[in-house]
Amino acid sequence: MSKFGELIDVEIPVLLDFYTEGNEESTAMHSILRDVAAALGDKAKVIKIDVDKNQELAEALRVRGLPTLIIYKNGEMKWRHSGKENTNRLIEIIQEFA
């Protein structure tokens, strides 16, 4: 988990997307997240985390519904949402923490 700590302990917002390939809402978020990452450039990071490959982390963060979106900044959780979210709303939320 120390690698996870390094990922989230940065001065820019980090949006984590917890997903599985078998979940339709999760896979629908992929193109939205690409657009968010492109719009924000180096002002934020977008990281997709496959729950099937990272079960220990998903359990530690109590990820239940998919997709689960979490924003961290400086190692601290700032925002959390389960379910789909649209591109413009995600950009707005991330910019609040940028």
Protein backbone atom coordinates (compact mmCIF):
# COMPACT_ATOMS: atom_id res chain seq x y z
CA MET A 1 0.00 0.00 0.00
CA SER A 2 2.99 2.35 0.23
CA LYS A 3 2.86 2.70 -3.55
CA PHE A 4 -0.76 3.86 -3.17
CA GLY A 5 0.37 6.46 -0.64
CA GLU A 6 2.88 7.81 -3.15
CA LEU A 7 0.15 8.05 -5.81
CA ILE A 8 -2.21 10.15 -3.71
CA ASP A 9 0.26 12.23 -1.69
CA VAL A 10 0.78 14.89 -4.37
CA GLU A 11 -0.13 18.56 -4.60
CA ILE A 12 -2.51 18.15 -7.54
CA PRO A 13 -5.89 16.41 -7.32
CA VAL A 14 -5.84 12.68 -8.10
CA LEU A 15 -9.08 11.17 -9.37
CA LEU A 16 -9.26 7.43 -8.78
CA ASP A 17 -11.76 5.38 -10.76
CA PHE A 18 -12.46 1.97 -9.24
CA TYR A 19 -13.96 -0.29 -11.91
CA THR A 20 -14.27 -3.80 -13.28
CA GLU A 21 -14.37 -4.75 -16.95
CA GLY A 22 -17.60 -6.69 -16.49
CA ASN A 23 -19.52 -3.67 -15.18
CA GLU A 24 -21.28 -1.61 -17.87
CA GLU A 25 -21.33 1.64 -15.90
CA SER A 26 -17.62 1.22 -15.18
CA THR A 27 -16.66 0.75 -18.81
CA ALA A 28 -18.93 3.64 -19.85
CA MET A 29 -16.81 5.90 -17.61
CA HIS A 30 -13.60 5.16 -19.56
CA SER A 31 -14.29 7.67 -22.35
CA ILE A 32 -15.53 10.25 -19.84
CA LEU A 33 -12.32 9.91 -17.84
CA ARG A 34 -10.22 10.24 -20.99
CA ASP A 35 -12.00 13.53 -21.73
CA VAL A 36 -11.51 14.73 -18.15
CA ALA A 37 -7.79 13.89 -18.26
CA ALA A 38 -7.40 15.66 -21.62
CA ALA A 39 -9.26 18.76 -20.39
CA LEU A 40 -7.23 19.08 -17.18
CA GLY A 41 -3.81 18.13 -18.53
CA ASP A 42 -1.15 18.36 -15.83
CA LYS A 43 -3.49 20.09 -13.34
CA ALA A 44 -4.76 16.68 -12.16
CA LYS A 45 -4.13 12.95 -12.45
CA VAL A 46 -6.73 10.40 -13.47
CA ILE A 47 -5.98 6.82 -12.42
CA LYS A 48 -8.12 3.78 -13.20
CA ILE A 49 -7.94 0.93 -10.68
CA ASP A 50 -9.30 -2.50 -11.60
CA VAL A 51 -11.01 -3.83 -8.47
CA ASP A 52 -10.46 -7.44 -9.58
CA LYS A 53 -6.68 -6.87 -9.61
CA ASN A 54 -6.59 -4.64 -6.50
CA GLN A 55 -9.05 -6.28 -4.11
CA GLU A 56 -7.07 -5.45 -0.99
CA LEU A 57 -7.05 -1.72 -1.81
CA ALA A 58 -10.74 -1.73 -2.77
CA GLU A 59 -11.61 -3.42 0.54
CA ALA A 60 -9.44 -0.99 2.52
CA LEU A 61 -11.28 1.95 0.92
CA ARG A 62 -14.67 0.22 1.32
CA VAL A 63 -15.45 0.32 -2.40
CA ARG A 64 -18.88 -1.30 -2.77
CA GLY A 65 -20.63 0.13 -5.83
CA LEU A 66 -18.99 0.49 -9.22
CA PRO A 67 -17.76 2.71 -10.55
CA THR A 68 -16.53 4.47 -7.41
CA LEU A 69 -14.77 7.78 -7.97
CA ILE A 70 -12.53 9.26 -5.27
CA ILE A 71 -10.48 12.47 -5.34
CA TYR A 72 -7.37 12.79 -3.18
CA LYS A 73 -5.08 15.76 -2.72
CA ASN A 74 -1.98 15.80 -0.50
CA GLY A 75 -2.88 12.30 0.67
CA GLU A 76 -6.30 13.34 1.93
CA MET A 77 -9.64 12.18 0.53
CA LYS A 78 -11.55 15.26 -0.67
CA TRP A 79 -14.54 13.80 -2.54
CA ARG A 80 -16.18 10.44 -3.17
CA HIS A 81 -18.99 9.28 -5.43
CA SER A 82 -20.43 5.89 -6.45
CA GLY A 83 -21.98 5.61 -9.91
CA LYS A 84 -21.55 7.41 -13.20
CA GLU A 85 -20.74 11.10 -13.39
CA ASN A 86 -20.57 13.29 -16.49
CA THR A 87 -17.46 14.93 -17.92
CA ASN A 88 -18.32 18.56 -17.14
CA ARG A 89 -19.35 17.81 -13.56
CA LEU A 90 -16.13 15.87 -12.89
CA ILE A 91 -14.01 18.69 -14.33
CA GLU A 92 -15.84 21.22 -12.11
CA ILE A 93 -15.33 19.08 -9.00
CA ILE A 94 -11.63 18.48 -9.68
CA GLN A 95 -11.04 22.18 -10.36
CA GLU A 96 -12.42 22.98 -6.91
CA PHE A 97 -9.38 21.18 -5.47
CA ALA A 98 -6.78 22.26 -8.06
